[in-house]
Amino acid sequence: MTPEEIAFIYKHVSVYGLGLVIASIIVYLIGKHSLASYLSEKGKNLATKEDIGKITALVEEVKAPYNQLLEELRARHQLRLAAIDRRLQAHQESFALWRQLIGAVHTDNASSAVITCQQWWEQNCLYLEPEVREAFVRAYTAVGAHGSLLQDRTGTEAIKQNWREIIRFPEVLFPAVQLPPLSELEKKAVES
């Protein structure tokens, strides 16, 4: 202890009495160590809270674009699921129309079948896969031209190529609408 502290204690002992001074010293010493530890711990806790707040803000800032992207993907997926029945129906209808084209290709009804296909295509083309869309147009266009090619008889290779365009359609359609195979879990559920 310093001489000033001793003088301070002596002065107070004479004024307040020895018991009060001793009690004050004990309270001071306990408070000095406890209060310092308490305040130090409080400061650490406050700093930790501030750090956690900053880290949480950074995490949320990073998560926000991913959450937005995830929501966009969910919406897009829901739209695809909503249209899947209509897409399958359109592919089935295109096959039925193609079969009508094949049946009419060497008849007087060929141009009528082509017009029916064109009208159907205008109302349903968005539901077809891009490759199927193109193959369907090529098929009905080839049916429309097939009669003229046969009458001209100028090039058998042109006639053969045109016929290949007509009959190629299922080769494009079937792979495009092929559904994925059932998983083992799905197979078991179906068998139950």
N, C-alpha and C. Protein backbone atom coordinates (compact mmCIF):
# COMPACT_ATOMS: atom_id res chain seq x y z
N MET A 1 0.83 -1.18 0.00
CA MET A 1 0.00 0.00 0.00
C MET A 1 0.87 1.24 0.00
N THR A 2 0.30 2.28 -0.59
CA THR A 2 1.04 3.53 -0.69
C THR A 2 0.80 4.36 0.57
N PRO A 3 1.68 5.31 0.84
CA PRO A 3 1.50 6.16 2.03
C PRO A 3 0.19 6.93 1.99
N GLU A 4 -0.29 7.30 0.81
CA GLU A 4 -1.56 8.03 0.73
C GLU A 4 -2.72 7.13 1.14
N GLU A 5 -2.68 5.86 0.74
CA GLU A 5 -3.74 4.92 1.10
C GLU A 5 -3.75 4.68 2.61
N ILE A 6 -2.54 4.58 3.21
CA ILE A 6 -2.44 4.38 4.66
C ILE A 6 -3.00 5.60 5.38
N ALA A 7 -2.66 6.78 4.91
CA ALA A 7 -3.17 8.01 5.52
C ALA A 7 -4.68 8.08 5.38
N PHE A 8 -5.20 7.66 4.27
CA PHE A 8 -6.65 7.66 4.03
C PHE A 8 -7.34 6.71 5.00
N ILE A 9 -6.76 5.52 5.18
CA ILE A 9 -7.36 4.52 6.08
C ILE A 9 -7.30 5.03 7.53
N TYR A 10 -6.16 5.60 7.96
CA TYR A 10 -6.01 6.11 9.33
C TYR A 10 -7.03 7.21 9.61
N LYS A 11 -7.22 8.08 8.66
CA LYS A 11 -8.18 9.18 8.83
C LYS A 11 -9.58 8.63 9.03
N HIS A 12 -9.94 7.63 8.25
CA HIS A 12 -11.30 7.09 8.34
C HIS A 12 -11.50 6.22 9.59
N VAL A 13 -10.43 5.57 10.05
CA VAL A 13 -10.53 4.77 11.27
C VAL A 13 -10.83 5.69 12.44
N SER A 14 -10.19 6.82 12.46
CA SER A 14 -10.40 7.73 13.57
C SER A 14 -11.79 8.35 13.52
N VAL A 15 -12.34 8.55 12.31
CA VAL A 15 -13.66 9.17 12.20
C VAL A 15 -14.78 8.14 12.37
N TYR A 16 -14.68 6.99 11.71
CA TYR A 16 -15.80 6.03 11.67
C TYR A 16 -15.62 4.83 12.59
N GLY A 17 -14.53 4.58 12.99
CA GLY A 17 -14.28 3.43 13.85
C GLY A 17 -13.64 2.31 13.06
N LEU A 18 -12.96 1.43 13.76
CA LEU A 18 -12.18 0.37 13.15
C LEU A 18 -13.06 -0.65 12.42
N GLY A 19 -14.20 -1.04 12.97
CA GLY A 19 -15.07 -2.06 12.36
C GLY A 19 -15.60 -1.64 11.01
N LEU A 20 -16.02 -0.39 10.94
CA LEU A 20 -16.57 0.11 9.68
C LEU A 20 -15.49 0.21 8.62
N VAL A 21 -14.31 0.61 9.01
CA VAL A 21 -13.21 0.74 8.06
C VAL A 21 -12.81 -0.64 7.55
N ILE A 22 -12.74 -1.65 8.43
CA ILE A 22 -12.37 -3.00 8.01
C ILE A 22 -13.44 -3.55 7.06
N ALA A 23 -14.70 -3.34 7.42
CA ALA A 23 -15.79 -3.82 6.57
C ALA A 23 -15.73 -3.12 5.20
N SER A 24 -15.41 -1.84 5.20
CA SER A 24 -15.32 -1.10 3.95
C SER A 24 -14.17 -1.62 3.09
N ILE A 25 -13.05 -1.94 3.74
CA ILE A 25 -11.90 -2.47 3.01
C ILE A 25 -12.25 -3.82 2.40
N ILE A 26 -12.91 -4.68 3.18
CA ILE A 26 -13.29 -6.00 2.67
C ILE A 26 -14.24 -5.84 1.48
N VAL A 27 -15.25 -4.99 1.65
CA VAL A 27 -16.21 -4.76 0.55
C VAL A 27 -15.48 -4.19 -0.67
N TYR A 28 -14.55 -3.28 -0.42
CA TYR A 28 -13.80 -2.68 -1.53
C TYR A 28 -12.98 -3.73 -2.27
N LEU A 29 -12.26 -4.58 -1.53
CA LEU A 29 -11.42 -5.59 -2.16
C LEU A 29 -12.27 -6.62 -2.92
N ILE A 30 -13.36 -7.06 -2.29
CA ILE A 30 -14.23 -8.02 -2.97
C ILE A 30 -14.83 -7.36 -4.22
N GLY A 31 -15.31 -6.15 -4.07
CA GLY A 31 -15.92 -5.44 -5.19
C GLY A 31 -14.93 -5.16 -6.31
N LYS A 32 -13.70 -4.85 -5.90
CA LYS A 32 -12.68 -4.54 -6.91
C LYS A 32 -12.44 -5.74 -7.81
N HIS A 33 -12.28 -6.90 -7.22
CA HIS A 33 -12.00 -8.10 -8.01
C HIS A 33 -13.26 -8.63 -8.69
N SER A 34 -14.35 -8.67 -7.96
CA SER A 34 -15.60 -9.22 -8.52
C SER A 34 -16.16 -8.30 -9.60
N LEU A 35 -16.17 -7.03 -9.30
CA LEU A 35 -16.73 -6.08 -10.26
C LEU A 35 -15.91 -6.06 -11.54
N ALA A 36 -14.61 -6.15 -11.41
CA ALA A 36 -13.75 -6.16 -12.60
C ALA A 36 -14.04 -7.41 -13.43
N SER A 37 -14.16 -8.56 -12.78
CA SER A 37 -14.47 -9.80 -13.50
C SER A 37 -15.85 -9.72 -14.13
N TYR A 38 -16.81 -9.20 -13.35
CA TYR A 38 -18.19 -9.09 -13.84
C TYR A 38 -18.26 -8.18 -15.06
N LEU A 39 -17.63 -7.03 -14.96
CA LEU A 39 -17.65 -6.08 -16.07
C LEU A 39 -16.89 -6.63 -17.27
N SER A 40 -15.81 -7.33 -17.02
CA SER A 40 -15.05 -7.94 -18.11
C SER A 40 -15.90 -8.98 -18.84
N GLU A 41 -16.60 -9.82 -18.05
CA GLU A 41 -17.46 -10.85 -18.65
C GLU A 41 -18.62 -10.20 -19.40
N LYS A 42 -19.20 -9.16 -18.82
CA LYS A 42 -20.29 -8.44 -19.50
C LYS A 42 -19.81 -7.85 -20.82
N GLY A 43 -18.62 -7.30 -20.82
CA GLY A 43 -18.05 -6.74 -22.05
C GLY A 43 -17.84 -7.81 -23.11
N LYS A 44 -17.35 -8.98 -22.69
CA LYS A 44 -17.16 -10.09 -23.62
C LYS A 44 -18.50 -10.53 -24.21
N ASN A 45 -19.50 -10.66 -23.32
CA ASN A 45 -20.83 -11.08 -23.78
C ASN A 45 -21.41 -10.08 -24.78
N LEU A 46 -21.26 -8.81 -24.48
CA LEU A 46 -21.77 -7.77 -25.38
C LEU A 46 -21.04 -7.82 -26.72
N ALA A 47 -19.73 -8.01 -26.68
CA ALA A 47 -18.96 -8.12 -27.93
C ALA A 47 -19.38 -9.35 -28.71
N THR A 48 -19.62 -10.46 -28.00
CA THR A 48 -20.06 -11.69 -28.66
C THR A 48 -21.41 -11.48 -29.32
N LYS A 49 -22.34 -10.81 -28.62
CA LYS A 49 -23.65 -10.53 -29.19
C LYS A 49 -23.52 -9.67 -30.45
N GLU A 50 -22.67 -8.69 -30.41
CA GLU A 50 -22.47 -7.83 -31.58
C GLU A 50 -21.87 -8.66 -32.73
N ASP A 51 -20.90 -9.52 -32.41
CA ASP A 51 -20.30 -10.36 -33.44
C ASP A 51 -21.33 -11.32 -34.04
N ILE A 52 -22.14 -11.93 -33.19
CA ILE A 52 -23.17 -12.84 -33.67
C ILE A 52 -24.16 -12.09 -34.55
N GLY A 53 -24.51 -10.88 -34.15
CA GLY A 53 -25.42 -10.07 -34.97
C GLY A 53 -24.83 -9.78 -36.34
N LYS A 54 -23.56 -9.43 -36.37
CA LYS A 54 -22.90 -9.15 -37.65
C LYS A 54 -22.81 -10.40 -38.51
N ILE A 55 -22.44 -11.52 -37.90
CA ILE A 55 -22.33 -12.78 -38.64
C ILE A 55 -23.70 -13.20 -39.17
N THR A 56 -24.73 -13.06 -38.34
CA THR A 56 -26.09 -13.40 -38.78
C THR A 56 -26.50 -12.52 -39.96
N ALA A 57 -26.19 -11.25 -39.90
CA ALA A 57 -26.53 -10.34 -41.00
C ALA A 57 -25.80 -10.76 -42.28
N LEU A 58 -24.53 -11.13 -42.16
CA LEU A 58 -23.77 -11.57 -43.33
C LEU A 58 -24.34 -12.86 -43.90
N VAL A 59 -24.70 -13.80 -43.03
CA VAL A 59 -25.28 -15.07 -43.49
C VAL A 59 -26.59 -14.81 -44.23
N GLU A 60 -27.43 -13.96 -43.67
CA GLU A 60 -28.71 -13.63 -44.32
C GLU A 60 -28.49 -12.93 -45.65
N GLU A 61 -27.47 -12.10 -45.71
CA GLU A 61 -27.16 -11.40 -46.95
C GLU A 61 -26.72 -12.38 -48.04
N VAL A 62 -25.97 -13.40 -47.65
CA VAL A 62 -25.53 -14.42 -48.60
C VAL A 62 -26.69 -15.34 -48.98
N LYS A 63 -27.55 -15.67 -48.03
CA LYS A 63 -28.65 -16.59 -48.27
C LYS A 63 -29.74 -15.98 -49.15
N ALA A 64 -29.92 -14.69 -49.12
CA ALA A 64 -31.02 -14.04 -49.83
C ALA A 64 -31.04 -14.36 -51.33
N PRO A 65 -29.93 -14.21 -52.06
CA PRO A 65 -29.98 -14.54 -53.50
C PRO A 65 -30.29 -16.02 -53.76
N TYR A 66 -29.76 -16.89 -52.90
CA TYR A 66 -30.04 -18.31 -53.07
C TYR A 66 -31.50 -18.63 -52.81
N ASN A 67 -32.07 -18.00 -51.80
CA ASN A 67 -33.50 -18.21 -51.53
C ASN A 67 -34.35 -17.71 -52.70
N GLN A 68 -33.99 -16.59 -53.28
CA GLN A 68 -34.73 -16.05 -54.42
C GLN A 68 -34.61 -17.01 -55.61
N LEU A 69 -33.42 -17.50 -55.87
CA LEU A 69 -33.22 -18.46 -56.96
C LEU A 69 -34.01 -19.74 -56.72
N LEU A 70 -34.01 -20.20 -55.48
CA LEU A 70 -34.76 -21.41 -55.14
C LEU A 70 -36.26 -21.21 -55.37
N GLU A 71 -36.78 -20.06 -55.01
CA GLU A 71 -38.21 -19.78 -55.24
C GLU A 71 -38.53 -19.72 -56.73
N GLU A 72 -37.64 -19.13 -57.51
CA GLU A 72 -37.85 -19.09 -58.96
C GLU A 72 -37.85 -20.49 -59.55
N LEU A 73 -36.93 -21.33 -59.08
CA LEU A 73 -36.87 -22.71 -59.57
C LEU A 73 -38.13 -23.49 -59.17
N ARG A 74 -38.61 -23.27 -57.95
CA ARG A 74 -39.85 -23.93 -57.52
C ARG A 74 -41.02 -23.51 -58.39
N ALA A 75 -41.13 -22.22 -58.67
CA ALA A 75 -42.23 -21.73 -59.50
C ALA A 75 -42.14 -22.33 -60.91
N ARG A 76 -40.95 -22.37 -61.44
CA ARG A 76 -40.76 -22.94 -62.78
C ARG A 76 -41.10 -24.43 -62.80
N HIS A 77 -40.70 -25.13 -61.76
CA HIS A 77 -40.99 -26.56 -61.66
C HIS A 77 -42.50 -26.79 -61.55
N GLN A 78 -43.20 -25.97 -60.78
CA GLN A 78 -44.65 -26.10 -60.65
C GLN A 78 -45.32 -25.86 -62.00
N LEU A 79 -44.83 -24.90 -62.75
CA LEU A 79 -45.39 -24.64 -64.07
C LEU A 79 -45.18 -25.84 -64.99
N ARG A 80 -44.01 -26.44 -64.93
CA ARG A 80 -43.74 -27.63 -65.75
C ARG A 80 -44.66 -28.79 -65.37
N LEU A 81 -44.84 -28.98 -64.06
CA LEU A 81 -45.71 -30.06 -63.62
C LEU A 81 -47.15 -29.82 -64.04
N ALA A 82 -47.57 -28.56 -64.00
CA ALA A 82 -48.94 -28.24 -64.39
C ALA A 82 -49.17 -28.53 -65.87
N ALA A 83 -48.14 -28.38 -66.68
CA ALA A 83 -48.29 -28.55 -68.13
C ALA A 83 -47.97 -29.97 -68.61
N ILE A 84 -47.49 -30.83 -67.74
CA ILE A 84 -47.02 -32.13 -68.21
C ILE A 84 -48.15 -32.97 -68.81
N ASP A 85 -49.33 -32.96 -68.21
CA ASP A 85 -50.45 -33.73 -68.77
C ASP A 85 -50.82 -33.20 -70.15
N ARG A 86 -50.83 -31.89 -70.26
CA ARG A 86 -51.19 -31.29 -71.55
C ARG A 86 -50.11 -31.58 -72.59
N ARG A 87 -48.88 -31.61 -72.18
CA ARG A 87 -47.79 -31.92 -73.12
C ARG A 87 -47.90 -33.35 -73.62
N LEU A 88 -48.16 -34.28 -72.71
CA LEU A 88 -48.31 -35.68 -73.14
C LEU A 88 -49.50 -35.83 -74.08
N GLN A 89 -50.58 -35.14 -73.77
CA GLN A 89 -51.76 -35.20 -74.63
C GLN A 89 -51.44 -34.65 -76.03
N ALA A 90 -50.71 -33.54 -76.08
CA ALA A 90 -50.36 -32.95 -77.38
C ALA A 90 -49.47 -33.90 -78.18
N HIS A 91 -48.55 -34.56 -77.53
CA HIS A 91 -47.69 -35.51 -78.24
C HIS A 91 -48.51 -36.69 -78.77
N GLN A 92 -49.46 -37.15 -77.96
CA GLN A 92 -50.32 -38.25 -78.41
C GLN A 92 -51.18 -37.80 -79.59
N GLU A 93 -51.74 -36.60 -79.53
CA GLU A 93 -52.55 -36.09 -80.63
C GLU A 93 -51.72 -35.93 -81.90
N SER A 94 -50.49 -35.48 -81.74
CA SER A 94 -49.64 -35.33 -82.93
C SER A 94 -49.38 -36.69 -83.59
N PHE A 95 -49.23 -37.73 -82.77
CA PHE A 95 -49.05 -39.06 -83.34
C PHE A 95 -50.30 -39.51 -84.09
N ALA A 96 -51.48 -39.26 -83.50
CA ALA A 96 -52.74 -39.65 -84.16
C ALA A 96 -52.91 -38.89 -85.48
N LEU A 97 -52.56 -37.62 -85.49
CA LEU A 97 -52.65 -36.84 -86.73
C LEU A 97 -51.65 -37.35 -87.76
N TRP A 98 -50.48 -37.71 -87.32
CA TRP A 98 -49.48 -38.26 -88.24
C TRP A 98 -50.00 -39.56 -88.87
N ARG A 99 -50.66 -40.39 -88.06
CA ARG A 99 -51.24 -41.63 -88.60
C ARG A 99 -52.30 -41.31 -89.67
N GLN A 100 -53.07 -40.25 -89.47
CA GLN A 100 -54.05 -39.84 -90.47
C GLN A 100 -53.34 -39.37 -91.74
N LEU A 101 -52.23 -38.66 -91.57
CA LEU A 101 -51.44 -38.22 -92.72
C LEU A 101 -50.94 -39.41 -93.53
N ILE A 102 -50.43 -40.41 -92.85
CA ILE A 102 -49.94 -41.61 -93.54
C ILE A 102 -51.08 -42.27 -94.32
N GLY A 103 -52.25 -42.31 -93.70
CA GLY A 103 -53.39 -42.92 -94.38
C GLY A 103 -53.88 -42.12 -95.58
N ALA A 104 -53.64 -40.82 -95.57
CA ALA A 104 -54.15 -39.96 -96.63
C ALA A 104 -53.11 -39.58 -97.67
N VAL A 105 -51.86 -39.94 -97.50
CA VAL A 105 -50.78 -39.46 -98.35
C VAL A 105 -51.00 -39.79 -99.83
N HIS A 106 -51.58 -40.92 -100.16
CA HIS A 106 -51.77 -41.31 -101.56
C HIS A 106 -53.24 -41.20 -101.98
N THR A 107 -53.98 -40.32 -101.29
CA THR A 107 -55.40 -40.14 -101.61
C THR A 107 -55.68 -38.69 -101.96
N ASP A 108 -56.93 -38.44 -102.33
CA ASP A 108 -57.35 -37.07 -102.60
C ASP A 108 -57.53 -36.27 -101.31
N ASN A 109 -57.50 -36.94 -100.17
CA ASN A 109 -57.69 -36.28 -98.87
C ASN A 109 -56.37 -35.78 -98.27
N ALA A 110 -55.27 -35.91 -98.97
CA ALA A 110 -53.97 -35.52 -98.44
C ALA A 110 -53.93 -34.04 -98.07
N SER A 111 -54.43 -33.17 -98.96
CA SER A 111 -54.37 -31.73 -98.66
C SER A 111 -55.27 -31.39 -97.48
N SER A 112 -56.40 -32.07 -97.33
CA SER A 112 -57.28 -31.84 -96.19
C SER A 112 -56.59 -32.27 -94.89
N ALA A 113 -55.89 -33.40 -94.93
CA ALA A 113 -55.16 -33.87 -93.75
C ALA A 113 -54.03 -32.91 -93.38
N VAL A 114 -53.37 -32.36 -94.40
CA VAL A 114 -52.30 -31.38 -94.16
C VAL A 114 -52.88 -30.12 -93.50
N ILE A 115 -54.00 -29.64 -93.99
CA ILE A 115 -54.63 -28.44 -93.41
C ILE A 115 -55.04 -28.70 -91.96
N THR A 116 -55.59 -29.89 -91.69
CA THR A 116 -55.96 -30.25 -90.32
C THR A 116 -54.73 -30.21 -89.41
N CYS A 117 -53.62 -30.75 -89.90
CA CYS A 117 -52.38 -30.74 -89.12
C CYS A 117 -51.86 -29.32 -88.89
N GLN A 118 -51.94 -28.49 -89.89
CA GLN A 118 -51.50 -27.10 -89.75
C GLN A 118 -52.34 -26.37 -88.70
N GLN A 119 -53.63 -26.56 -88.76
CA GLN A 119 -54.51 -25.90 -87.77
C GLN A 119 -54.23 -26.42 -86.36
N TRP A 120 -54.06 -27.72 -86.25
CA TRP A 120 -53.77 -28.29 -84.93
C TRP A 120 -52.42 -27.76 -84.43
N TRP A 121 -51.44 -27.71 -85.30
CA TRP A 121 -50.10 -27.25 -84.91
C TRP A 121 -50.14 -25.81 -84.40
N GLU A 122 -50.92 -24.96 -85.05
CA GLU A 122 -51.02 -23.56 -84.62
C GLU A 122 -51.58 -23.44 -83.20
N GLN A 123 -52.42 -24.36 -82.80
CA GLN A 123 -53.05 -24.30 -81.48
C GLN A 123 -52.29 -25.08 -80.41
N ASN A 124 -51.38 -25.95 -80.82
CA ASN A 124 -50.74 -26.85 -79.86
C ASN A 124 -49.22 -26.91 -79.92
N CYS A 125 -48.59 -26.17 -80.81
CA CYS A 125 -47.15 -26.33 -81.02
C CYS A 125 -46.32 -26.04 -79.76
N LEU A 126 -46.80 -25.16 -78.90
CA LEU A 126 -46.03 -24.83 -77.70
C LEU A 126 -45.94 -25.99 -76.72
N TYR A 127 -46.84 -26.94 -76.83
CA TYR A 127 -46.82 -28.08 -75.93
C TYR A 127 -45.88 -29.19 -76.41
N LEU A 128 -45.41 -29.10 -77.63
CA LEU A 128 -44.53 -30.12 -78.18
C LEU A 128 -43.08 -29.80 -77.87
N GLU A 129 -42.30 -30.85 -77.71
CA GLU A 129 -40.85 -30.67 -77.57
C GLU A 129 -40.34 -30.03 -78.87
N PRO A 130 -39.30 -29.22 -78.82
CA PRO A 130 -38.81 -28.54 -80.03
C PRO A 130 -38.50 -29.48 -81.20
N GLU A 131 -37.87 -30.61 -80.92
CA GLU A 131 -37.53 -31.54 -82.02
C GLU A 131 -38.81 -32.13 -82.62
N VAL A 132 -39.78 -32.43 -81.77
CA VAL A 132 -41.05 -33.00 -82.23
C VAL A 132 -41.81 -31.97 -83.05
N ARG A 133 -41.79 -30.74 -82.58
CA ARG A 133 -42.45 -29.65 -83.29
C ARG A 133 -41.93 -29.56 -84.72
N GLU A 134 -40.60 -29.57 -84.86
CA GLU A 134 -39.97 -29.46 -86.18
C GLU A 134 -40.28 -30.69 -87.04
N ALA A 135 -40.19 -31.87 -86.45
CA ALA A 135 -40.45 -33.10 -87.20
C ALA A 135 -41.90 -33.18 -87.66
N PHE A 136 -42.82 -32.69 -86.85
CA PHE A 136 -44.24 -32.72 -87.21
C PHE A 136 -44.49 -31.81 -88.43
N VAL A 137 -43.92 -30.62 -88.39
CA VAL A 137 -44.07 -29.68 -89.52
C VAL A 137 -43.45 -30.29 -90.78
N ARG A 138 -42.29 -30.88 -90.65
CA ARG A 138 -41.64 -31.50 -91.81
C ARG A 138 -42.49 -32.63 -92.38
N ALA A 139 -43.13 -33.41 -91.49
CA ALA A 139 -43.94 -34.54 -91.94
C ALA A 139 -45.16 -34.06 -92.72
N TYR A 140 -45.91 -33.12 -92.16
CA TYR A 140 -47.12 -32.71 -92.90
C TYR A 140 -46.77 -31.88 -94.13
N THR A 141 -45.65 -31.18 -94.12
CA THR A 141 -45.21 -30.45 -95.31
C THR A 141 -44.81 -31.45 -96.40
N ALA A 142 -44.13 -32.51 -96.00
CA ALA A 142 -43.72 -33.55 -96.96
C ALA A 142 -44.94 -34.25 -97.55
N VAL A 143 -45.97 -34.48 -96.74
CA VAL A 143 -47.20 -35.10 -97.28
C VAL A 143 -47.83 -34.17 -98.31
N GLY A 144 -47.82 -32.86 -98.01
CA GLY A 144 -48.37 -31.89 -98.96
C GLY A 144 -47.63 -31.87 -100.28
N ALA A 145 -46.33 -32.12 -100.25
CA ALA A 145 -45.52 -32.09 -101.46
C ALA A 145 -45.41 -33.44 -102.14
N HIS A 146 -45.77 -34.51 -101.46
CA HIS A 146 -45.54 -35.86 -101.98
C HIS A 146 -46.29 -36.13 -103.29
N GLY A 147 -47.53 -35.70 -103.37
CA GLY A 147 -48.30 -35.92 -104.60
C GLY A 147 -47.66 -35.27 -105.80
N SER A 148 -47.18 -34.05 -105.64
CA SER A 148 -46.52 -33.33 -106.75
C SER A 148 -45.23 -34.04 -107.16
N LEU A 149 -44.48 -34.52 -106.21
CA LEU A 149 -43.24 -35.23 -106.52
C LEU A 149 -43.53 -36.52 -107.30
N LEU A 150 -44.58 -37.20 -106.93
CA LEU A 150 -44.93 -38.44 -107.64
C LEU A 150 -45.41 -38.15 -109.06
N GLN A 151 -46.13 -37.06 -109.26
CA GLN A 151 -46.63 -36.72 -110.60
C GLN A 151 -45.47 -36.32 -111.51
N ASP A 152 -44.53 -35.56 -110.98
CA ASP A 152 -43.40 -35.11 -111.80
C ASP A 152 -42.48 -36.27 -112.17
N ARG A 153 -42.27 -37.19 -111.30
CA ARG A 153 -41.40 -38.35 -111.49
C ARG A 153 -40.01 -37.93 -112.02
N THR A 154 -39.59 -36.75 -111.64
CA THR A 154 -38.30 -36.28 -112.13
C THR A 154 -37.13 -36.83 -111.32
N GLY A 155 -37.37 -37.12 -110.04
CA GLY A 155 -36.25 -37.61 -109.24
C GLY A 155 -36.71 -38.60 -108.20
N THR A 156 -36.33 -39.84 -108.38
CA THR A 156 -36.73 -40.85 -107.41
C THR A 156 -36.06 -40.62 -106.06
N GLU A 157 -34.87 -40.03 -106.08
CA GLU A 157 -34.19 -39.75 -104.81
C GLU A 157 -34.95 -38.70 -104.02
N ALA A 158 -35.50 -37.69 -104.68
CA ALA A 158 -36.29 -36.66 -104.01
C ALA A 158 -37.56 -37.28 -103.40
N ILE A 159 -38.15 -38.21 -104.11
CA ILE A 159 -39.36 -38.88 -103.61
C ILE A 159 -38.99 -39.71 -102.37
N LYS A 160 -37.90 -40.43 -102.44
CA LYS A 160 -37.46 -41.25 -101.31
C LYS A 160 -37.13 -40.38 -100.09
N GLN A 161 -36.44 -39.28 -100.33
CA GLN A 161 -36.09 -38.36 -99.24
C GLN A 161 -37.36 -37.78 -98.62
N ASN A 162 -38.31 -37.41 -99.46
CA ASN A 162 -39.57 -36.86 -98.97
C ASN A 162 -40.31 -37.91 -98.13
N TRP A 163 -40.33 -39.14 -98.59
CA TRP A 163 -40.99 -40.21 -97.83
C TRP A 163 -40.30 -40.44 -96.48
N ARG A 164 -38.97 -40.33 -96.47
CA ARG A 164 -38.24 -40.47 -95.20
C ARG A 164 -38.65 -39.38 -94.21
N GLU A 165 -38.89 -38.17 -94.71
CA GLU A 165 -39.36 -37.08 -93.83
C GLU A 165 -40.72 -37.40 -93.24
N ILE A 166 -41.56 -38.04 -94.04
CA ILE A 166 -42.90 -38.39 -93.57
C ILE A 166 -42.83 -39.46 -92.49
N ILE A 167 -42.08 -40.50 -92.73
CA ILE A 167 -42.08 -41.63 -91.79
C ILE A 167 -41.09 -41.45 -90.63
N ARG A 168 -40.29 -40.43 -90.66
CA ARG A 168 -39.31 -40.16 -89.59
C ARG A 168 -39.97 -39.67 -88.31
N PHE A 169 -41.15 -39.13 -88.37
CA PHE A 169 -41.78 -38.48 -87.22
C PHE A 169 -41.81 -39.36 -85.96
N PRO A 170 -42.23 -40.60 -86.00
CA PRO A 170 -42.24 -41.40 -84.76
C PRO A 170 -40.85 -41.60 -84.17
N GLU A 171 -39.83 -41.62 -85.01
CA GLU A 171 -38.46 -41.78 -84.51
C GLU A 171 -38.04 -40.60 -83.63
N VAL A 172 -38.63 -39.44 -83.89
CA VAL A 172 -38.35 -38.25 -83.09
C VAL A 172 -39.32 -38.18 -81.91
N LEU A 173 -40.57 -38.51 -82.15
CA LEU A 173 -41.62 -38.39 -81.13
C LEU A 173 -41.39 -39.33 -79.95
N PHE A 174 -41.18 -40.61 -80.22
CA PHE A 174 -41.13 -41.59 -79.14
C PHE A 174 -40.04 -41.32 -78.11
N PRO A 175 -38.81 -41.02 -78.52
CA PRO A 175 -37.79 -40.71 -77.49
C PRO A 175 -38.12 -39.43 -76.71
N ALA A 176 -38.78 -38.48 -77.36
CA ALA A 176 -39.06 -37.20 -76.70
C ALA A 176 -40.08 -37.34 -75.58
N VAL A 177 -41.00 -38.29 -75.70
CA VAL A 177 -42.04 -38.44 -74.68
C VAL A 177 -41.80 -39.62 -73.76
N GLN A 178 -40.68 -40.27 -73.91
CA GLN A 178 -40.39 -41.42 -73.08
C GLN A 178 -40.27 -40.98 -71.63
N LEU A 179 -41.06 -41.63 -70.78
CA LEU A 179 -41.03 -41.31 -69.35
C LEU A 179 -39.86 -42.02 -68.70
N PRO A 180 -39.30 -41.44 -67.65
CA PRO A 180 -38.20 -42.11 -66.96
C PRO A 180 -38.71 -43.40 -66.32
N PRO A 181 -37.84 -44.39 -66.19
CA PRO A 181 -38.29 -45.66 -65.58
C PRO A 181 -38.62 -45.46 -64.10
N LEU A 182 -39.42 -46.36 -63.57
CA LEU A 182 -39.78 -46.31 -62.16
C LEU A 182 -38.57 -46.67 -61.30
N SER A 183 -38.42 -45.98 -60.18
CA SER A 183 -37.36 -46.33 -59.24
C SER A 183 -37.78 -47.59 -58.50
N GLU A 184 -36.85 -48.20 -57.79
CA GLU A 184 -37.16 -49.41 -57.03
C GLU A 184 -38.24 -49.14 -55.99
N LEU A 185 -38.18 -48.00 -55.35
CA LEU A 185 -39.19 -47.63 -54.35
C LEU A 185 -40.56 -47.50 -54.99
N GLU A 186 -40.62 -46.88 -56.16
CA GLU A 186 -41.89 -46.72 -56.88
C GLU A 186 -42.43 -48.08 -57.34
N LYS A 187 -41.54 -48.96 -57.78
CA LYS A 187 -41.97 -50.30 -58.20
C LYS A 187 -42.60 -51.05 -57.03
N LYS A 188 -41.98 -50.97 -55.86
CA LYS A 188 -42.52 -51.65 -54.69
C LYS A 188 -43.88 -51.08 -54.31
N ALA A 189 -44.02 -49.76 -54.44
CA ALA A 189 -45.30 -49.13 -54.10
C ALA A 189 -46.40 -49.58 -55.05
N VAL A 190 -46.05 -49.74 -56.31
CA VAL A 190 -47.03 -50.17 -57.32
C VAL A 190 -47.41 -51.62 -57.08
N GLU A 191 -46.44 -52.45 -56.71
CA GLU A 191 -46.69 -53.88 -56.50
C GLU A 191 -47.52 -54.14 -55.25
N SER A 192 -47.47 -53.22 -54.30
CA SER A 192 -48.20 -53.43 -53.03
C SER A 192 -49.69 -53.30 -53.21
